[in-house]
Amino acid sequence: MAVVFVSDPDQRLDVDPAAVKDLYGLTPAEAAVASLVGVGRPVLEAARRLGVQTNTVRMQLKQVYAKTGARRQSALVYLVMTGPAHLRLG
């Protein structure tokens, strides 16, 4: 059995924070951060979009790393971009 995923490279990728929360056992705040940073958005942009300080995002990212096993931002991006969190069925 094989599964093939096809995506449009010109389409801006968004990830549902609820999917990230459920997949990795994150809090809602951690999931919101992971869903933004996990698709390549910078920490500063994530903080601005969430209405929090960059230090808050960095602290939440540390928790996300601990819960997902990612050791740095690039590993989180890889995890989110290659995992099932970004899939839209239907």
N, C-alpha and C. Protein backbone atom coordinates (compact mmCIF):
# COMPACT_ATOMS: atom_id res chain seq x y z
N MET A 1 0.84 -1.15 0.00
CA MET A 1 0.00 0.00 0.00
C MET A 1 0.90 1.23 0.00
N ALA A 2 0.47 2.23 -0.72
CA ALA A 2 1.21 3.50 -0.77
C ALA A 2 0.24 4.66 -0.66
N VAL A 3 0.75 5.74 -0.15
CA VAL A 3 -0.03 6.96 -0.04
C VAL A 3 0.76 8.06 -0.72
N VAL A 4 0.09 8.82 -1.56
CA VAL A 4 0.74 9.92 -2.26
C VAL A 4 0.04 11.22 -1.86
N PHE A 5 0.84 12.20 -1.47
CA PHE A 5 0.31 13.51 -1.13
C PHE A 5 0.73 14.49 -2.21
N VAL A 6 -0.21 15.24 -2.72
CA VAL A 6 0.07 16.23 -3.73
C VAL A 6 -0.31 17.59 -3.17
N SER A 7 0.59 18.55 -3.32
CA SER A 7 0.29 19.89 -2.80
C SER A 7 0.67 20.94 -3.83
N ASP A 8 0.06 22.09 -3.70
CA ASP A 8 0.33 23.21 -4.56
C ASP A 8 1.38 24.08 -3.89
N PRO A 9 2.58 24.20 -4.46
CA PRO A 9 3.63 24.97 -3.82
C PRO A 9 3.33 26.47 -3.73
N ASP A 10 2.38 26.95 -4.53
CA ASP A 10 2.02 28.36 -4.50
C ASP A 10 0.95 28.67 -3.45
N GLN A 11 0.33 27.64 -2.89
CA GLN A 11 -0.71 27.85 -1.89
C GLN A 11 -0.07 28.03 -0.52
N ARG A 12 -0.48 29.07 0.17
CA ARG A 12 0.04 29.33 1.53
C ARG A 12 -0.49 28.25 2.46
N LEU A 13 0.41 27.62 3.17
CA LEU A 13 0.04 26.51 4.04
C LEU A 13 -0.36 27.02 5.42
N ASP A 14 -1.48 26.56 5.88
CA ASP A 14 -1.93 26.82 7.25
C ASP A 14 -2.22 25.48 7.89
N VAL A 15 -2.01 25.42 9.18
CA VAL A 15 -2.25 24.20 9.93
C VAL A 15 -3.28 24.51 11.02
N ASP A 16 -4.23 23.63 11.17
CA ASP A 16 -5.25 23.79 12.19
C ASP A 16 -4.64 23.55 13.57
N PRO A 17 -4.66 24.57 14.44
CA PRO A 17 -4.10 24.37 15.78
C PRO A 17 -4.74 23.21 16.54
N ALA A 18 -6.02 22.95 16.32
CA ALA A 18 -6.69 21.84 17.01
C ALA A 18 -6.08 20.50 16.61
N ALA A 19 -5.72 20.37 15.34
CA ALA A 19 -5.08 19.13 14.88
C ALA A 19 -3.71 18.96 15.53
N VAL A 20 -2.95 20.03 15.59
CA VAL A 20 -1.62 19.98 16.22
C VAL A 20 -1.77 19.66 17.71
N LYS A 21 -2.74 20.27 18.35
CA LYS A 21 -3.00 20.04 19.78
C LYS A 21 -3.28 18.57 20.04
N ASP A 22 -4.18 18.00 19.26
CA ASP A 22 -4.57 16.61 19.46
C ASP A 22 -3.44 15.64 19.12
N LEU A 23 -2.72 15.91 18.05
CA LEU A 23 -1.65 15.01 17.61
C LEU A 23 -0.49 14.93 18.60
N TYR A 24 -0.15 16.06 19.19
CA TYR A 24 1.07 16.11 20.00
C TYR A 24 0.82 16.37 21.48
N GLY A 25 -0.44 16.43 21.90
CA GLY A 25 -0.75 16.63 23.31
C GLY A 25 -0.36 17.99 23.83
N LEU A 26 -0.58 19.01 23.03
CA LEU A 26 -0.20 20.37 23.39
C LEU A 26 -1.37 21.11 24.03
N THR A 27 -1.04 22.16 24.76
CA THR A 27 -2.08 23.06 25.26
C THR A 27 -2.57 23.90 24.08
N PRO A 28 -3.72 24.56 24.20
CA PRO A 28 -4.18 25.42 23.11
C PRO A 28 -3.17 26.50 22.73
N ALA A 29 -2.52 27.11 23.72
CA ALA A 29 -1.53 28.15 23.43
C ALA A 29 -0.31 27.57 22.71
N GLU A 30 0.16 26.42 23.16
CA GLU A 30 1.30 25.77 22.51
C GLU A 30 0.94 25.37 21.08
N ALA A 31 -0.28 24.88 20.90
CA ALA A 31 -0.72 24.48 19.56
C ALA A 31 -0.80 25.67 18.62
N ALA A 32 -1.24 26.81 19.12
CA ALA A 32 -1.31 28.01 18.29
C ALA A 32 0.08 28.42 17.83
N VAL A 33 1.04 28.38 18.75
CA VAL A 33 2.42 28.71 18.40
C VAL A 33 2.98 27.68 17.42
N ALA A 34 2.78 26.41 17.71
CA ALA A 34 3.31 25.35 16.84
C ALA A 34 2.71 25.41 15.45
N SER A 35 1.45 25.77 15.34
CA SER A 35 0.81 25.82 14.02
C SER A 35 1.33 26.97 13.18
N LEU A 36 1.80 28.03 13.80
CA LEU A 36 2.38 29.15 13.06
C LEU A 36 3.85 28.93 12.76
N VAL A 37 4.62 28.64 13.80
CA VAL A 37 6.06 28.44 13.63
C VAL A 37 6.33 27.16 12.83
N GLY A 38 5.47 26.18 12.98
CA GLY A 38 5.64 24.90 12.28
C GLY A 38 5.46 24.96 10.78
N VAL A 39 4.89 26.04 10.28
CA VAL A 39 4.79 26.20 8.81
C VAL A 39 5.76 27.26 8.32
N GLY A 40 6.71 27.62 9.19
CA GLY A 40 7.79 28.50 8.77
C GLY A 40 7.63 29.97 9.10
N ARG A 41 6.61 30.32 9.84
CA ARG A 41 6.46 31.73 10.21
C ARG A 41 7.43 32.07 11.33
N PRO A 42 8.05 33.24 11.27
CA PRO A 42 9.02 33.62 12.30
C PRO A 42 8.37 33.83 13.67
N VAL A 43 9.16 33.71 14.71
CA VAL A 43 8.68 33.89 16.08
C VAL A 43 8.03 35.27 16.24
N LEU A 44 8.65 36.30 15.68
CA LEU A 44 8.10 37.65 15.79
C LEU A 44 6.71 37.75 15.18
N GLU A 45 6.52 37.14 14.01
CA GLU A 45 5.21 37.15 13.37
C GLU A 45 4.19 36.36 14.19
N ALA A 46 4.61 35.22 14.73
CA ALA A 46 3.71 34.42 15.56
C ALA A 46 3.27 35.22 16.78
N ALA A 47 4.19 35.91 17.41
CA ALA A 47 3.87 36.73 18.58
C ALA A 47 2.88 37.83 18.21
N ARG A 48 3.12 38.48 17.09
CA ARG A 48 2.23 39.56 16.66
C ARG A 48 0.83 39.03 16.36
N ARG A 49 0.75 37.91 15.66
CA ARG A 49 -0.56 37.33 15.31
C ARG A 49 -1.32 36.85 16.54
N LEU A 50 -0.59 36.37 17.52
CA LEU A 50 -1.23 35.84 18.73
C LEU A 50 -1.44 36.92 19.80
N GLY A 51 -0.86 38.09 19.59
CA GLY A 51 -1.03 39.18 20.54
C GLY A 51 -0.28 38.97 21.85
N VAL A 52 0.89 38.32 21.75
CA VAL A 52 1.72 38.07 22.94
C VAL A 52 3.14 38.55 22.67
N GLN A 53 3.96 38.55 23.70
CA GLN A 53 5.37 38.94 23.58
C GLN A 53 6.17 37.81 22.93
N THR A 54 7.27 38.18 22.29
CA THR A 54 8.13 37.16 21.66
C THR A 54 8.68 36.20 22.70
N ASN A 55 8.95 36.69 23.91
CA ASN A 55 9.45 35.80 24.96
C ASN A 55 8.41 34.74 25.33
N THR A 56 7.14 35.11 25.28
CA THR A 56 6.07 34.14 25.55
C THR A 56 6.09 33.05 24.49
N VAL A 57 6.23 33.45 23.24
CA VAL A 57 6.29 32.46 22.15
C VAL A 57 7.50 31.56 22.33
N ARG A 58 8.63 32.13 22.67
CA ARG A 58 9.85 31.31 22.87
C ARG A 58 9.68 30.31 24.02
N MET A 59 9.05 30.74 25.10
CA MET A 59 8.81 29.81 26.22
C MET A 59 7.85 28.69 25.81
N GLN A 60 6.82 29.05 25.06
CA GLN A 60 5.88 28.03 24.60
C GLN A 60 6.54 27.09 23.60
N LEU A 61 7.44 27.62 22.78
CA LEU A 61 8.17 26.77 21.84
C LEU A 61 9.02 25.74 22.58
N LYS A 62 9.61 26.12 23.68
CA LYS A 62 10.40 25.15 24.46
C LYS A 62 9.52 23.99 24.92
N GLN A 63 8.30 24.30 25.33
CA GLN A 63 7.36 23.25 25.74
C GLN A 63 6.96 22.39 24.54
N VAL A 64 6.74 23.04 23.40
CA VAL A 64 6.40 22.31 22.18
C VAL A 64 7.54 21.36 21.81
N TYR A 65 8.76 21.85 21.86
CA TYR A 65 9.91 21.00 21.55
C TYR A 65 9.97 19.78 22.48
N ALA A 66 9.75 20.03 23.76
CA ALA A 66 9.80 18.93 24.73
C ALA A 66 8.72 17.89 24.45
N LYS A 67 7.54 18.33 24.08
CA LYS A 67 6.43 17.41 23.86
C LYS A 67 6.49 16.70 22.51
N THR A 68 7.11 17.34 21.52
CA THR A 68 7.16 16.73 20.18
C THR A 68 8.47 16.01 19.91
N GLY A 69 9.48 16.28 20.73
CA GLY A 69 10.80 15.69 20.49
C GLY A 69 11.65 16.50 19.54
N ALA A 70 11.12 17.62 19.05
CA ALA A 70 11.91 18.51 18.18
C ALA A 70 12.95 19.21 19.04
N ARG A 71 14.13 19.42 18.47
CA ARG A 71 15.19 20.08 19.24
C ARG A 71 15.41 21.52 18.81
N ARG A 72 14.87 21.89 17.66
CA ARG A 72 15.02 23.26 17.18
C ARG A 72 13.87 23.56 16.21
N GLN A 73 13.80 24.82 15.82
CA GLN A 73 12.69 25.29 14.99
C GLN A 73 12.62 24.53 13.66
N SER A 74 13.74 24.29 13.04
CA SER A 74 13.73 23.59 11.75
C SER A 74 13.16 22.17 11.90
N ALA A 75 13.43 21.52 13.02
CA ALA A 75 12.88 20.18 13.26
C ALA A 75 11.37 20.24 13.45
N LEU A 76 10.89 21.30 14.10
CA LEU A 76 9.45 21.47 14.26
C LEU A 76 8.78 21.70 12.90
N VAL A 77 9.39 22.52 12.07
CA VAL A 77 8.85 22.76 10.73
C VAL A 77 8.78 21.45 9.97
N TYR A 78 9.83 20.66 10.02
CA TYR A 78 9.85 19.36 9.33
C TYR A 78 8.72 18.47 9.85
N LEU A 79 8.57 18.41 11.16
CA LEU A 79 7.55 17.57 11.79
C LEU A 79 6.15 17.98 11.32
N VAL A 80 5.88 19.27 11.36
CA VAL A 80 4.54 19.75 10.99
C VAL A 80 4.31 19.61 9.48
N MET A 81 5.31 19.93 8.68
CA MET A 81 5.14 19.91 7.23
C MET A 81 5.06 18.49 6.66
N THR A 82 5.66 17.52 7.34
CA THR A 82 5.62 16.16 6.81
C THR A 82 4.63 15.27 7.54
N GLY A 83 4.08 15.77 8.64
CA GLY A 83 3.14 14.98 9.42
C GLY A 83 1.70 15.21 8.98
N PRO A 84 0.78 14.55 9.64
CA PRO A 84 -0.62 14.62 9.24
C PRO A 84 -1.35 15.91 9.63
N ALA A 85 -0.71 16.80 10.38
CA ALA A 85 -1.41 18.01 10.86
C ALA A 85 -1.81 18.94 9.72
N HIS A 86 -1.07 18.94 8.63
CA HIS A 86 -1.39 19.88 7.55
C HIS A 86 -2.34 19.31 6.50
N LEU A 87 -2.73 18.08 6.65
CA LEU A 87 -3.62 17.46 5.65
C LEU A 87 -5.03 17.98 5.76
N ARG A 88 -5.62 18.21 4.62
CA ARG A 88 -7.03 18.58 4.55
C ARG A 88 -7.73 17.52 3.71
N LEU A 89 -8.61 16.81 4.33
CA LEU A 89 -9.31 15.76 3.62
C LEU A 89 -10.64 16.29 3.12
N GLY A 90 -11.01 15.83 1.96
CA GLY A 90 -12.32 16.23 1.47
C GLY A 90 -12.30 16.85 0.14
